[in-house]
């Protein structure tokens, strides 16, 4: 039987990742109520950070072997330039791994340069791994088709060297493109949605949808102030924020949140939690902070949005807690659709805020009379090649979907980004929704 010491380092990393994952599940199941709040919060964050890094270690070893070890026997291996290249690759991998730790130690009103650099390296790391894997698969397919009997020669060596070079070049180009794309202000996307049973006096009601701003290591006060200015310029009747506003504790990042106090939609500003609010383990403090800015959290509850033209005309705006609260066993929280829609009958239009598209699907299975659901979470995949995974894992990916005869689901691609300050194959968006009365 092979001992742990005899396993290759990739297998050891996989075992370590499994151990950390098991400890996470154990903590959620048996220690959640035995540990005090602060200890539980730090334990969860540390476990998630260690889990991500142990998984990344397997990829980092592959990157090192592909971009450094491959060239060790070449004539350039002893050159000064190759030494600089080895240092550059090592620093690149070290920064990518350190990105998750910045969430623990480097969150402030404005992002630190180190955090931006670390998360940029993480984005480039994901792209590089993809191209190394893809080009490696193409190389293996070529060898198979060419036949195993073919003799190895200079051509094969050149192809082996070409793979990492091409992968690095493509990664650099796409990283620059992604950074430039994400540095632009969010696009304003105007969408007209017919809402069944919406009173005629509320026809053309303007609602602005924000999602996935992710205040934290790489998004700070300056970007939030820009978003608020853009929202105010649209002059919405109502503003909704459908989760993942933050990745940090309220006390730490409070100065960065102050621009939200300038939102002044006449029919109110409303908020529901996303999965990242629960990762902060500080939801109660966030609710209090948002209330101080006249932003009302919808904690499995609803409000009547009354027409400015007639007090007898209204629709029901409801919000549910994110489903991650159930996974984390977050006390007093969890998706409760019955509670959220209490008093919302099918005689009036119902608009539901639910952060994750899977929650939107579950809500429609339970209450098909909901007329409109607004979600986020997917980021439109945010960066290539994660787009494909986000598409496959969510019942609604991005944009407007018609479900049944009288129901629509709109999924925002996100107003900013999570961590990695890049956008590839997606665009940050502020959504201007015009509600139409049929």
Protein backbone atom coordinates (compact mmCIF):
# COMPACT_ATOMS: atom_id res chain seq x y z
CA UNK A 1 0.00 0.00 0.00
CA UNK A 2 1.37 3.42 -1.00
CA UNK A 3 2.10 5.73 1.93
CA UNK A 4 1.28 9.44 1.96
CA UNK A 5 4.99 10.29 1.62
CA UNK A 6 5.23 8.28 -1.61
CA UNK A 7 2.36 10.12 -3.28
CA UNK A 8 3.23 12.72 -5.94
CA UNK A 9 2.89 16.30 -4.73
CA UNK A 10 -0.26 16.87 -6.81
CA UNK A 11 -1.93 13.95 -5.03
CA UNK A 12 -0.81 15.33 -1.67
CA UNK A 13 -2.40 18.68 -2.56
CA UNK A 14 -5.63 16.90 -3.53
CA UNK A 15 -5.66 15.05 -0.20
CA UNK A 16 -5.04 18.33 1.66
CA UNK A 17 -7.93 19.97 -0.22
CA UNK A 18 -10.16 17.06 0.73
CA UNK A 19 -9.19 17.36 4.39
CA UNK A 20 -9.94 21.10 4.42
CA UNK A 21 -13.26 20.54 2.65
CA UNK A 22 -14.20 17.84 5.18
CA UNK A 23 -13.32 20.21 8.02
CA UNK A 24 -15.60 22.85 6.46
CA UNK A 25 -18.51 20.42 6.33
CA UNK A 26 -17.77 19.28 9.89
CA UNK A 27 -17.71 22.86 11.14
CA UNK A 28 -21.02 23.66 9.47
CA UNK A 29 -22.71 20.54 10.80
CA UNK A 30 -21.40 20.19 14.34
CA UNK A 31 -19.53 23.32 15.44
CA UNK A 32 -21.84 26.07 14.13
CA UNK A 33 -23.72 26.45 17.41
CA UNK A 34 -20.83 25.55 19.73
CA UNK A 35 -18.42 28.30 18.62
CA UNK A 36 -18.89 31.97 19.34
CA UNK A 37 -19.81 34.26 16.45
CA UNK A 38 -16.38 35.80 15.85
CA UNK A 39 -14.51 32.49 16.01
CA UNK A 40 -16.97 30.87 13.61
CA UNK A 41 -16.60 33.74 11.16
CA UNK A 42 -12.80 33.56 11.09
CA UNK A 43 -12.78 29.77 10.94
CA UNK A 44 -15.05 29.79 7.90
CA UNK A 45 -12.97 32.38 6.08
CA UNK A 46 -9.71 30.63 6.88
CA UNK A 47 -11.09 27.28 5.74
CA UNK A 48 -12.31 28.74 2.44
CA UNK A 49 -8.94 30.42 1.87
CA UNK A 50 -7.00 27.23 2.60
CA UNK A 51 -9.34 25.15 0.44
CA UNK A 52 -8.89 27.49 -2.54
CA UNK A 53 -5.12 27.52 -2.13
CA UNK A 54 -4.75 23.76 -1.85
CA UNK A 55 -6.77 23.34 -5.04
CA UNK A 56 -4.68 26.00 -6.76
CA UNK A 57 -1.47 24.28 -5.73
CA UNK A 58 -2.11 21.49 -8.22
CA UNK A 59 -2.51 24.02 -11.02
CA UNK A 60 0.52 26.02 -9.88
CA UNK A 61 2.73 22.94 -10.08
CA UNK A 62 1.53 22.38 -13.63
CA UNK A 63 2.19 26.02 -14.52
CA UNK A 64 5.73 25.83 -13.09
CA UNK A 65 6.56 22.63 -14.95
CA UNK A 66 5.12 23.96 -18.21
CA UNK A 67 6.71 27.40 -18.13
CA UNK A 68 9.98 26.73 -16.25
CA UNK A 69 10.92 23.05 -15.89
CA UNK A 70 10.30 22.43 -19.61
CA UNK A 71 13.15 24.77 -20.48
CA UNK A 72 15.65 23.59 -17.83
CA UNK A 73 17.56 21.48 -20.35
CA UNK A 74 17.66 24.14 -23.04
CA UNK A 75 20.74 26.22 -23.83
CA UNK A 76 19.07 29.31 -22.32
CA UNK A 77 18.51 27.66 -18.93
CA UNK A 78 21.71 29.09 -17.46
CA UNK A 79 21.17 32.61 -18.77
CA UNK A 80 20.37 35.66 -16.64
CA UNK A 81 17.12 36.23 -18.56
CA UNK A 82 15.91 32.74 -17.69
CA UNK A 83 16.66 33.40 -14.03
CA UNK A 84 14.52 36.56 -14.21
CA UNK A 85 11.79 34.52 -15.89
CA UNK A 86 11.82 31.97 -13.06
CA UNK A 87 11.54 34.77 -10.51
CA UNK A 88 8.67 36.35 -12.48
CA UNK A 89 6.74 33.05 -12.65
CA UNK A 90 7.29 32.43 -8.93
CA UNK A 91 6.07 35.94 -7.99
CA UNK A 92 3.09 35.56 -10.32
CA UNK A 93 2.04 32.31 -8.64
CA UNK A 94 2.71 33.70 -5.15
CA UNK A 95 0.51 36.75 -5.84
CA UNK A 96 -2.27 34.59 -7.26
CA UNK A 97 -2.25 32.42 -4.13
CA UNK A 98 -2.15 35.46 -1.81
CA UNK A 99 -5.29 37.00 -3.37
CA UNK A 100 -7.63 35.09 -1.06
CA UNK A 101 -5.72 36.26 2.02
CA UNK A 102 -6.25 39.94 1.11
CA UNK A 103 -9.90 39.48 2.05
CA UNK A 104 -8.76 38.71 5.58
CA UNK A 105 -6.18 41.45 6.02
CA UNK A 106 -6.34 44.12 3.28
CA UNK A 107 -9.84 45.61 3.06
CA UNK A 108 -10.27 49.37 3.37
CA UNK A 109 -12.15 52.36 1.97
CA UNK A 110 -10.16 52.12 -1.27
CA UNK A 111 -8.38 49.04 -2.67
CA UNK A 112 -4.71 48.49 -1.89
CA UNK A 113 -2.41 48.14 -4.91
CA UNK A 114 -1.27 44.77 -3.59
CA UNK A 115 -4.86 43.47 -3.62
CA UNK A 116 -5.42 44.66 -7.18
CA UNK A 117 -2.16 43.04 -8.31
CA UNK A 118 -2.92 39.79 -6.48
CA UNK A 119 -6.42 39.43 -7.93
CA UNK A 120 -5.18 40.39 -11.40
CA UNK A 121 -2.66 37.54 -11.14
CA UNK A 122 -5.49 35.24 -10.02
CA UNK A 123 -7.48 36.12 -13.14
CA UNK A 124 -4.43 35.59 -15.35
CA UNK A 125 -3.76 32.30 -13.53
CA UNK A 126 -7.24 31.00 -14.44
CA UNK A 127 -6.79 31.96 -18.08
CA UNK A 128 -3.28 30.47 -18.23
CA UNK A 129 -4.40 27.16 -16.71
CA UNK A 130 -7.16 26.97 -19.33
CA UNK A 131 -4.82 27.53 -22.27
CA UNK A 132 -2.16 25.16 -20.95
CA UNK A 133 -4.79 22.46 -20.55
CA UNK A 134 -6.40 23.14 -23.94
CA UNK A 135 -3.12 23.28 -25.85
CA UNK A 136 -1.90 20.20 -23.99
CA UNK A 137 -5.04 18.33 -25.02
CA UNK A 138 -4.55 19.41 -28.64
CA UNK A 139 -0.93 18.23 -28.47
CA UNK A 140 -1.95 14.84 -27.10
CA UNK A 141 -4.62 14.48 -29.79
CA UNK A 142 -2.02 15.32 -32.47
CA UNK A 143 0.39 12.70 -31.12
CA UNK A 144 -2.37 10.11 -31.08
CA UNK A 145 -3.41 10.87 -34.66
CA UNK A 146 0.18 11.02 -35.85
CA UNK A 147 0.80 7.55 -34.44
CA UNK A 148 2.82 6.27 -31.53
CA UNK A 149 5.50 4.96 -33.84
CA UNK A 150 6.60 8.43 -34.94
CA UNK A 151 10.16 9.23 -33.87
CA UNK A 152 10.75 12.14 -31.55
CA UNK A 153 12.75 14.87 -33.18
CA UNK A 154 13.43 18.59 -33.26
CA UNK A 155 9.91 19.25 -34.45
CA UNK A 156 8.45 17.61 -31.36
CA UNK A 157 10.74 19.60 -29.09
CA UNK A 158 9.76 22.82 -30.81
CA UNK A 159 6.08 22.00 -30.38
CA UNK A 160 6.64 21.28 -26.67
CA UNK A 161 8.28 24.67 -26.23
CA UNK A 162 5.66 26.42 -28.33
CA UNK A 163 2.77 25.36 -26.08
CA UNK A 164 3.71 27.35 -22.94
CA UNK A 165 4.91 30.34 -24.98
CA UNK A 166 1.62 30.53 -26.86
CA UNK A 167 -0.36 30.06 -23.63
CA UNK A 168 1.55 32.89 -21.91
CA UNK A 169 1.11 35.26 -24.87
CA UNK A 170 -2.64 34.60 -25.06
CA UNK A 171 -2.94 35.04 -21.29
CA UNK A 172 -1.14 38.39 -21.33
CA UNK A 173 -3.29 39.70 -24.19
CA UNK A 174 -6.58 38.61 -22.63
CA UNK A 175 -5.56 39.88 -19.20
CA UNK A 176 -4.92 43.36 -20.62
CA UNK A 177 -8.21 43.29 -22.52
CA UNK A 178 -10.07 42.11 -19.40
CA UNK A 179 -8.54 44.83 -17.23
CA UNK A 180 -9.42 47.55 -19.75
CA UNK A 181 -12.99 46.24 -20.07
CA UNK A 182 -13.54 46.14 -16.30
CA UNK A 183 -12.07 49.62 -15.83
CA UNK A 184 -14.89 51.14 -17.89
CA UNK A 185 -18.06 52.40 -16.18
CA UNK A 186 -20.92 49.89 -16.20
CA UNK A 187 -23.09 50.06 -19.28
CA UNK A 188 -26.69 51.19 -18.77
CA UNK A 189 -29.03 48.59 -20.22
CA UNK A 190 -32.65 49.65 -20.60
CA UNK A 191 -35.17 46.80 -20.62
CA UNK A 192 -38.95 47.00 -21.00
CA UNK A 193 -40.81 44.22 -19.19
CA UNK A 194 -44.59 43.69 -19.29
CA UNK A 195 -45.87 42.91 -15.80
CA UNK A 196 -49.17 41.09 -15.60
CA UNK A 197 -51.74 42.88 -13.42
CA UNK A 198 -49.58 45.96 -13.01
CA UNK A 199 -51.99 48.90 -12.55
CA UNK A 200 -52.26 51.22 -15.55
CA UNK A 201 -51.35 54.14 -13.28
CA UNK A 202 -47.94 52.48 -12.78
CA UNK A 203 -47.26 52.00 -16.47
CA UNK A 204 -43.69 53.06 -17.36
CA UNK A 205 -42.58 52.87 -13.74
CA UNK A 206 -38.78 52.98 -13.76
CA UNK A 207 -36.83 50.56 -11.61
CA UNK A 208 -33.02 50.44 -11.45
CA UNK A 209 -31.45 47.08 -10.70
CA UNK A 210 -28.00 46.77 -9.09
CA UNK A 211 -26.28 43.52 -8.24
CA UNK A 212 -22.89 42.07 -7.30
CA UNK A 213 -21.01 45.25 -6.47
CA UNK A 214 -18.68 43.33 -4.13
CA UNK A 215 -17.25 46.09 -1.99
CA UNK A 216 -14.03 44.62 -0.68
CA UNK A 217 -10.39 44.12 -1.66
CA UNK A 218 -10.71 45.48 -5.22
CA UNK A 219 -13.87 47.63 -5.18
CA UNK A 220 -14.02 50.70 -2.97
CA UNK A 221 -15.70 54.04 -2.38
CA UNK A 222 -14.68 55.66 -5.67
CA UNK A 223 -16.36 53.00 -7.80
CA UNK A 224 -19.46 52.95 -5.61
CA UNK A 225 -19.75 56.74 -5.85
CA UNK A 226 -19.58 56.44 -9.65
CA UNK A 227 -22.39 53.86 -9.62
CA UNK A 228 -24.56 56.07 -7.40
CA UNK A 229 -24.05 59.07 -9.71
CA UNK A 230 -25.10 56.97 -12.71
CA UNK A 231 -28.19 55.71 -10.88
CA UNK A 232 -29.25 59.21 -9.83
CA UNK A 233 -28.86 60.41 -13.42
CA UNK A 234 -31.44 57.81 -14.49
CA UNK A 235 -33.97 59.24 -11.98
CA UNK A 236 -35.57 55.89 -11.09
CA UNK A 237 -38.84 55.59 -9.20
CA UNK A 238 -37.41 52.69 -7.25
CA UNK A 239 -33.94 51.14 -6.81
CA UNK A 240 -33.23 47.52 -5.88
CA UNK A 241 -29.95 45.84 -4.92
CA UNK A 242 -30.17 42.07 -5.31
CA UNK A 243 -27.28 40.86 -3.19
CA UNK A 244 -23.50 40.59 -3.01
CA UNK A 245 -23.10 44.23 -2.15
CA UNK A 246 -20.09 43.41 0.01
CA UNK A 247 -17.34 40.96 0.86
CA UNK A 248 -16.31 42.53 4.17
CA UNK A 249 -17.63 43.33 7.62
CA UNK A 250 -19.72 46.48 7.96
CA UNK A 251 -17.44 48.13 10.53
CA UNK A 252 -14.31 47.68 8.42
CA UNK A 253 -15.68 49.01 5.16
CA UNK A 254 -18.28 51.51 6.40
CA UNK A 255 -16.60 54.61 4.86
CA UNK A 256 -16.77 53.00 1.42
CA UNK A 257 -20.54 52.50 1.74
CA UNK A 258 -21.38 56.17 2.41
CA UNK A 259 -22.27 57.03 -1.24
CA UNK A 260 -25.33 54.77 -0.91
CA UNK A 261 -26.84 57.44 1.33
CA UNK A 262 -27.24 59.64 -1.76
CA UNK A 263 -29.72 57.28 -3.41
CA UNK A 264 -33.07 59.06 -3.31
CA UNK A 265 -35.58 57.07 -5.36
CA UNK A 266 -39.06 58.39 -4.44
CA UNK A 267 -40.57 54.91 -3.97
CA UNK A 268 -37.59 53.66 -1.98
CA UNK A 269 -34.39 51.63 -2.23
CA UNK A 270 -34.49 47.94 -1.29
CA UNK A 271 -31.93 45.22 -0.66
CA UNK A 272 -31.78 41.44 -0.39
CA UNK A 273 -28.84 39.34 0.70
CA UNK A 274 -26.53 37.43 -1.61
CA UNK A 275 -24.29 34.52 -0.72
CA UNK A 276 -21.32 36.82 -0.04
CA UNK A 277 -23.19 38.73 2.66
CA UNK A 278 -23.37 35.45 4.56
CA UNK A 279 -19.67 34.79 3.99
CA UNK A 280 -19.01 38.00 5.96
CA UNK A 281 -20.99 36.55 8.90
CA UNK A 282 -22.05 40.13 9.61
CA UNK A 283 -25.52 40.38 8.08
CA UNK A 284 -27.23 41.99 11.08
CA UNK A 285 -24.73 44.85 11.15
CA UNK A 286 -25.11 45.29 7.41
CA UNK A 287 -28.88 45.54 7.78
CA UNK A 288 -28.48 48.27 10.40
CA UNK A 289 -25.95 50.14 8.28
CA UNK A 290 -28.16 50.03 5.19
CA UNK A 291 -31.16 51.21 7.20
CA UNK A 292 -29.12 54.24 8.30
CA UNK A 293 -28.85 55.12 4.60
CA UNK A 294 -32.64 54.70 4.10
CA UNK A 295 -32.16 51.40 2.28
CA UNK A 296 -34.69 48.80 3.40
CA UNK A 297 -33.56 45.16 3.60
CA UNK A 298 -36.25 42.69 2.60
CA UNK A 299 -35.50 39.83 4.98
CA UNK A 300 -38.08 37.28 3.75
CA UNK A 301 -40.66 40.06 3.67
CA UNK A 302 -42.51 42.34 1.30
CA UNK A 303 -43.72 45.89 0.89
CA UNK A 304 -46.52 47.46 -1.08
CA UNK A 305 -45.25 49.78 -3.79
CA UNK A 306 -48.07 52.29 -4.12
CA UNK A 307 -48.70 54.23 -7.32
CA UNK A 308 -47.80 57.94 -7.05
CA UNK A 309 -51.01 58.65 -9.00
CA UNK A 310 -53.47 56.54 -7.03
CA UNK A 311 -53.16 55.19 -3.48
CA UNK A 312 -55.48 52.30 -4.34
CA UNK A 313 -53.08 50.97 -6.98
CA UNK A 314 -50.07 48.96 -5.89
CA UNK A 315 -47.93 45.93 -6.49
CA UNK A 316 -46.13 43.61 -4.10
CA UNK A 317 -42.34 43.83 -3.93
CA UNK A 318 -40.90 40.87 -2.01
CA UNK A 319 -37.41 39.70 -1.17
CA UNK A 320 -35.98 36.40 0.05
CA UNK A 321 -32.74 35.61 1.90
CA UNK A 322 -30.08 33.98 -0.21
CA UNK A 323 -30.10 30.19 -0.23
CA UNK A 324 -26.49 30.09 1.03
CA UNK A 325 -27.84 31.02 4.46
CA UNK A 326 -29.42 27.55 4.59
CA UNK A 327 -26.16 25.88 3.55
CA UNK A 328 -24.20 27.79 6.19
CA UNK A 329 -26.94 27.27 8.81
CA UNK A 330 -26.91 31.00 9.43
CA UNK A 331 -29.14 31.56 12.46
CA UNK A 332 -32.41 33.35 11.72
CA UNK A 333 -31.82 33.40 7.98
CA UNK A 334 -32.65 31.25 4.98
CA UNK A 335 -34.92 31.39 1.96
CA UNK A 336 -38.53 31.40 3.18
CA UNK A 337 -40.80 32.14 0.22
CA UNK A 338 -44.05 31.66 2.15
CA UNK A 339 -43.03 34.26 4.71
CA UNK A 340 -41.73 36.61 2.02
CA UNK A 341 -44.99 36.48 0.05
CA UNK A 342 -47.32 36.62 3.02
CA UNK A 343 -50.14 38.97 2.01
CA UNK A 344 -49.13 38.95 -1.68
CA UNK A 345 -52.05 37.49 -3.58
CA UNK A 346 -52.36 36.81 -7.29
CA UNK A 347 -54.86 39.67 -7.48
CA UNK A 348 -51.93 42.09 -7.59
CA UNK A 349 -48.67 42.00 -9.49
CA UNK A 350 -45.80 40.33 -7.62
CA UNK A 351 -42.13 41.26 -8.11
CA UNK A 352 -39.60 39.09 -6.27
CA UNK A 353 -35.95 39.85 -5.49
CA UNK A 354 -33.87 36.66 -5.21
CA UNK A 355 -30.10 36.78 -5.57
CA UNK A 356 -29.44 33.40 -7.20
CA UNK A 357 -31.19 32.19 -10.37
CA UNK A 358 -31.64 28.76 -8.80
CA UNK A 359 -33.68 30.47 -6.07
CA UNK A 360 -35.77 32.08 -8.81
CA UNK A 361 -36.43 28.64 -10.28
CA UNK A 362 -37.45 27.24 -6.90
CA UNK A 363 -39.70 30.22 -6.25
CA UNK A 364 -41.57 29.74 -9.53
CA UNK A 365 -42.04 26.05 -8.81
CA UNK A 366 -43.74 26.98 -5.54
CA UNK A 367 -45.52 30.15 -6.66
CA UNK A 368 -46.02 30.25 -10.44
CA UNK A 369 -48.16 33.37 -10.01
CA UNK A 370 -45.03 35.53 -9.45
CA UNK A 371 -44.86 37.98 -12.34
CA UNK A 372 -41.26 39.14 -12.29
CA UNK A 373 -38.11 37.90 -10.54
CA UNK A 374 -34.90 39.94 -10.44
CA UNK A 375 -31.64 38.08 -9.80
CA UNK A 376 -27.88 38.41 -10.16
CA UNK A 377 -25.08 36.12 -8.93
CA UNK A 378 -23.81 34.77 -12.28
CA UNK A 379 -21.78 37.87 -13.29
CA UNK A 380 -22.37 36.65 -16.83
CA UNK A 381 -19.41 34.40 -16.07
CA UNK A 382 -17.27 37.54 -15.48
CA UNK A 383 -14.16 36.21 -17.23
CA UNK A 384 -13.38 33.64 -19.87
CA UNK A 385 -13.29 30.62 -19.43
CA UNK A 386 -15.58 30.75 -16.34
CA UNK A 387 -18.50 31.84 -18.55
CA UNK A 388 -19.20 28.28 -19.64
CA UNK A 389 -19.33 26.99 -16.06
CA UNK A 390 -21.64 29.79 -14.93
CA UNK A 391 -23.93 29.07 -17.90
CA UNK A 392 -24.16 25.36 -17.11
CA UNK A 393 -24.65 25.77 -13.35
CA UNK A 394 -27.54 28.25 -13.46
CA UNK A 395 -31.07 27.73 -14.83
CA UNK A 396 -31.05 31.38 -15.95
CA UNK A 397 -27.69 32.80 -17.00
CA UNK A 398 -27.98 36.46 -17.93
CA UNK A 399 -30.60 38.80 -19.41
CA UNK A 400 -34.37 38.45 -19.78
CA UNK A 401 -36.24 35.13 -19.78
CA UNK A 402 -39.94 34.48 -20.26
CA UNK A 403 -41.24 31.62 -18.11
CA UNK A 404 -44.78 30.52 -18.78
CA UNK A 405 -47.38 32.99 -20.02
CA UNK A 406 -47.17 35.81 -17.49
CA UNK A 407 -43.77 35.51 -15.79
CA UNK A 408 -40.36 37.00 -16.55
CA UNK A 409 -36.96 36.50 -14.95
CA UNK A 410 -34.18 39.04 -15.38
CA UNK A 411 -30.62 38.14 -14.36
CA UNK A 412 -28.15 40.99 -14.02
CA UNK A 413 -24.55 40.34 -15.15
CA UNK A 414 -23.43 42.34 -12.13
CA UNK A 415 -22.69 46.01 -11.58
CA UNK A 416 -19.00 45.51 -10.73
CA UNK A 417 -17.01 42.30 -10.29
CA UNK A 418 -15.92 39.86 -7.63
CA UNK A 419 -12.26 40.17 -6.68
CA UNK A 420 -10.64 39.83 -10.09
CA UNK A 421 -10.74 43.33 -11.69
CA UNK A 422 -11.36 41.86 -15.13
CA UNK A 423 -14.25 41.26 -17.52
CA UNK A 424 -13.94 38.89 -20.50
CA UNK A 425 -17.02 37.83 -22.42
CA UNK A 426 -19.22 39.87 -20.09
CA UNK A 427 -19.89 43.51 -19.26
CA UNK A 428 -20.75 45.19 -15.98
CA UNK A 429 -24.25 46.63 -16.05
CA UNK A 430 -26.69 48.98 -14.38
CA UNK A 431 -30.12 47.80 -15.49
CA UNK A 432 -32.89 50.30 -16.12
CA UNK A 433 -36.14 48.32 -16.06
CA UNK A 434 -39.29 49.93 -17.43
CA UNK A 435 -42.36 48.18 -16.07
CA UNK A 436 -45.18 48.02 -18.59
CA UNK A 437 -48.82 47.55 -17.76
CA UNK A 438 -50.38 45.05 -20.23
